[in-house]
Amino acid sequence: GNVSNQASVASNAASVASNAASVASNAASVASNAASIASARAGAVAYVSIAQTVVASTLVNVSGLSLSLVAGGFYEVRGVLLHSFSIVSAGPGYGYGLSWPPMAAGGGCIRMMVSAGQVTGTMSGLVRQAMFTNSASGSVLLSSPTTLVLSSQTYPVIIEALFAVSTTGTFQVMVKGGLSAATQPLFIRAGSFIRAMRLN
């Protein structure tokens, strides 16, 4: 009888230990998930670490400016790019686009400065902007007119968007422009960045 009771006690103790281990494992999993969500909500950032030379008549990816978006997430995306030219010129018609995975909903705005001087007051002819929907992935969203730009200045491009992601994939900034590496390339300057903050 004592042996049987001792075996039963040992079995119960093992069961309690197993349950405790399971609870601890579940708690660790919950903590890990919470940390993952907190990290996503804090925002992921991608940036250009070394200036890039662009000579392309169609859209190409800006190296370094891509972020992963997860299915089911609501993301606020913001970014600022700086570009410049090697010479004073009317420009070859540079432009910007974005690509992203399938979205349940989404859209945003992209705008850029095309004036040779500083912009104050009215934006007409000095700043170009475009609104876009979730169906515009991979297309030229905004392109420049042949407006004089100065080689001594850098020009901002501002991106703002909100997406409801239906399929996990990559958000990518794209650019076209430049005549040739020798005569008039477009430079994407170091420090240009995008940030995606998950809202849910």
Protein backbone atom coordinates (compact mmCIF):
# COMPACT_ATOMS: atom_id res chain seq x y z
CA GLY A 1 0.00 0.00 0.00
CA ASN A 2 2.76 2.46 0.93
CA VAL A 3 4.63 1.74 -2.26
CA SER A 4 1.50 2.40 -4.30
CA ASN A 5 0.84 5.64 -2.41
CA GLN A 6 4.42 6.78 -2.91
CA ALA A 7 4.17 6.06 -6.64
CA SER A 8 0.94 8.03 -6.82
CA VAL A 9 2.50 10.98 -4.99
CA ALA A 10 5.50 10.87 -7.30
CA SER A 11 3.21 10.76 -10.34
CA ASN A 12 1.20 13.73 -9.05
CA ALA A 13 4.37 15.67 -8.37
CA ALA A 14 5.60 14.96 -11.88
CA SER A 15 2.24 16.09 -13.27
CA VAL A 16 2.38 19.31 -11.23
CA ALA A 17 5.92 19.95 -12.45
CA SER A 18 4.86 19.32 -16.04
CA ASN A 19 1.92 21.70 -15.68
CA ALA A 20 4.18 24.32 -14.13
CA ALA A 21 6.59 23.94 -17.04
CA SER A 22 3.69 24.26 -19.49
CA VAL A 23 2.45 27.42 -17.76
CA ALA A 24 5.96 28.86 -17.80
CA SER A 25 6.28 28.03 -21.50
CA ASN A 26 2.94 29.66 -22.26
CA ALA A 27 3.91 32.74 -20.27
CA ALA A 28 7.18 32.96 -22.19
CA SER A 29 5.28 32.66 -25.47
CA VAL A 30 2.86 35.42 -24.44
CA ALA A 31 5.77 37.62 -23.41
CA SER A 32 7.52 36.94 -26.71
CA ASN A 33 4.39 37.79 -28.70
CA ALA A 34 3.88 40.95 -26.67
CA ALA A 35 7.48 41.97 -27.30
CA SER A 36 7.06 41.27 -31.01
CA ILE A 37 3.90 43.41 -31.18
CA ALA A 38 5.55 46.19 -29.19
CA SER A 39 8.54 46.12 -31.51
CA ALA A 40 6.31 46.31 -34.60
CA ARG A 41 4.36 49.20 -33.11
CA ALA A 42 7.60 50.99 -32.30
CA GLY A 43 8.27 50.95 -36.04
CA ALA A 44 10.75 49.46 -38.48
CA VAL A 45 13.16 51.83 -40.23
CA ALA A 46 15.18 51.46 -43.43
CA TYR A 47 17.64 54.05 -44.69
CA VAL A 48 20.27 54.77 -47.33
CA SER A 49 23.70 54.43 -45.74
CA ILE A 50 25.77 55.36 -48.82
CA ALA A 51 24.70 57.78 -51.58
CA GLN A 52 23.43 56.02 -54.70
CA THR A 53 23.86 57.04 -58.33
CA VAL A 54 20.76 56.53 -60.47
CA VAL A 55 20.70 56.31 -64.27
CA ALA A 56 17.45 54.61 -65.29
CA SER A 57 14.68 55.39 -67.75
CA THR A 58 12.24 53.13 -65.89
CA LEU A 59 11.68 52.56 -62.19
CA VAL A 60 14.41 50.74 -60.25
CA ASN A 61 14.61 49.89 -56.57
CA VAL A 62 16.37 52.28 -54.22
CA SER A 63 18.82 50.01 -52.43
CA GLY A 64 18.16 49.83 -48.71
CA LEU A 65 14.70 51.41 -48.81
CA SER A 66 12.53 48.33 -48.27
CA LEU A 67 10.54 47.04 -45.31
CA SER A 68 8.61 43.85 -44.56
CA LEU A 69 4.85 44.18 -43.99
CA VAL A 70 2.89 41.34 -42.36
CA ALA A 71 -0.57 40.13 -43.39
CA GLY A 72 -3.32 41.45 -41.13
CA GLY A 73 -1.34 44.50 -40.11
CA PHE A 74 -2.37 48.14 -40.36
CA TYR A 75 0.73 50.19 -41.16
CA GLU A 76 1.45 53.89 -41.19
CA VAL A 77 4.35 54.47 -43.61
CA ARG A 78 6.35 57.70 -43.68
CA GLY A 79 9.60 58.63 -45.35
CA VAL A 80 11.82 61.46 -46.51
CA LEU A 81 14.27 61.09 -49.39
CA LEU A 82 16.89 63.61 -50.44
CA HIS A 83 18.16 63.74 -54.01
CA SER A 84 20.49 66.00 -55.96
CA PHE A 85 22.10 66.42 -59.38
CA SER A 86 25.72 66.75 -60.46
CA ILE A 87 25.15 69.82 -62.68
CA VAL A 88 22.73 72.72 -63.07
CA SER A 89 20.22 71.50 -65.62
CA ALA A 90 16.58 71.35 -66.61
CA GLY A 91 16.56 67.69 -65.62
CA PRO A 92 15.73 64.51 -67.60
CA GLY A 93 12.32 63.88 -66.06
CA TYR A 94 13.05 61.97 -62.88
CA GLY A 95 10.26 60.29 -60.96
CA TYR A 96 9.33 58.11 -57.99
CA GLY A 97 7.18 55.07 -57.37
CA LEU A 98 6.46 52.53 -54.65
CA SER A 99 5.73 48.83 -54.69
CA TRP A 100 3.95 46.79 -52.05
CA PRO A 101 2.25 43.41 -51.50
CA PRO A 102 -1.52 42.92 -52.00
CA MET A 103 -3.52 45.26 -49.75
CA ALA A 104 -7.08 45.06 -48.43
CA ALA A 105 -7.08 48.85 -48.48
CA GLY A 106 -4.57 51.65 -48.61
CA GLY A 107 -3.34 54.85 -50.15
CA GLY A 108 -1.29 57.92 -49.52
CA CYS A 109 0.54 60.94 -50.84
CA ILE A 110 3.97 61.61 -52.32
CA ARG A 111 5.32 65.10 -52.94
CA MET A 112 8.59 66.63 -54.01
CA MET A 113 10.21 70.02 -54.43
CA VAL A 114 11.06 71.04 -58.00
CA SER A 115 12.06 74.67 -57.44
CA ALA A 116 15.62 75.96 -57.76
CA GLY A 117 15.06 78.11 -54.67
CA GLN A 118 13.37 77.78 -51.32
CA VAL A 119 9.60 77.31 -51.24
CA THR A 120 7.37 79.58 -49.17
CA GLY A 121 3.68 80.35 -49.51
CA THR A 122 1.98 78.94 -52.60
CA MET A 123 3.14 75.56 -53.92
CA SER A 124 2.04 76.05 -57.54
CA GLY A 125 4.91 75.19 -59.88
CA LEU A 126 7.31 74.77 -56.95
CA VAL A 127 6.13 71.54 -55.34
CA ARG A 128 4.51 68.61 -57.15
CA GLN A 129 2.40 66.03 -55.36
CA ALA A 130 0.21 63.05 -56.10
CA MET A 131 -2.33 61.01 -54.17
CA PHE A 132 -2.38 57.26 -54.80
CA THR A 133 -4.58 54.25 -54.05
CA ASN A 134 -3.77 50.66 -53.13
CA SER A 135 -3.85 49.67 -56.84
CA ALA A 136 -0.86 51.85 -57.83
CA SER A 137 1.94 49.49 -56.77
CA GLY A 138 4.92 49.48 -59.12
CA SER A 139 3.83 52.51 -61.15
CA VAL A 140 5.35 55.99 -61.49
CA LEU A 141 3.43 57.95 -58.87
CA LEU A 142 5.11 61.30 -59.39
CA SER A 143 7.50 62.68 -62.00
CA SER A 144 9.21 66.01 -62.46
CA PRO A 145 8.68 68.67 -65.07
CA THR A 146 11.74 70.18 -66.76
CA THR A 147 12.27 72.67 -63.94
CA LEU A 148 15.68 74.13 -63.21
CA VAL A 149 17.46 72.53 -60.27
CA LEU A 150 20.74 73.48 -58.63
CA SER A 151 23.64 71.09 -58.14
CA SER A 152 24.53 72.79 -54.84
CA GLN A 153 21.23 71.83 -53.20
CA THR A 154 19.45 68.66 -52.10
CA TYR A 155 15.73 68.30 -52.77
CA PRO A 156 13.22 66.51 -50.51
CA VAL A 157 10.71 63.83 -51.47
CA ILE A 158 8.11 63.13 -48.78
CA ILE A 159 6.07 59.91 -48.58
CA GLU A 160 3.01 59.35 -46.37
CA ALA A 161 0.71 56.33 -46.57
CA LEU A 162 -1.60 53.98 -44.67
CA PHE A 163 -2.03 50.31 -45.60
CA ALA A 164 -4.17 47.37 -44.47
CA VAL A 165 -2.03 44.41 -45.53
CA SER A 166 -3.72 41.28 -46.88
CA THR A 167 -0.59 39.34 -47.92
CA THR A 168 2.83 39.42 -46.27
CA GLY A 169 5.43 41.06 -48.49
CA THR A 170 7.84 43.93 -49.07
CA PHE A 171 7.29 47.67 -49.30
CA GLN A 172 9.88 49.19 -51.67
CA VAL A 173 10.79 52.73 -52.75
CA MET A 174 11.56 53.08 -56.49
CA VAL A 175 13.08 55.83 -58.64
CA LYS A 176 13.92 56.67 -62.24
CA GLY A 177 16.05 59.45 -63.72
CA GLY A 178 19.50 60.53 -64.81
CA LEU A 179 20.86 60.82 -68.32
CA SER A 180 24.18 59.06 -67.81
CA ALA A 181 26.72 58.52 -65.08
CA ALA A 182 29.04 60.95 -66.88
CA THR A 183 26.69 63.78 -67.82
CA GLN A 184 23.75 63.97 -65.43
CA PRO A 185 23.11 61.24 -62.87
CA LEU A 186 20.54 61.53 -60.12
CA PHE A 187 21.92 61.03 -56.61
CA ILE A 188 19.89 59.54 -53.75
CA ARG A 189 21.59 60.94 -50.70
CA ALA A 190 22.63 59.06 -47.58
CA GLY A 191 20.18 59.46 -44.72
CA SER A 192 17.09 59.08 -46.91
CA PHE A 193 14.72 56.82 -44.98
CA ILE A 194 11.32 55.17 -44.67
CA ARG A 195 9.58 54.04 -41.49
CA ALA A 196 6.62 51.67 -41.07
CA MET A 197 4.74 51.62 -37.78
CA ARG A 198 2.23 48.83 -37.17
CA LEU A 199 -0.93 50.17 -35.56
CA ASN A 200 -2.57 46.92 -34.40
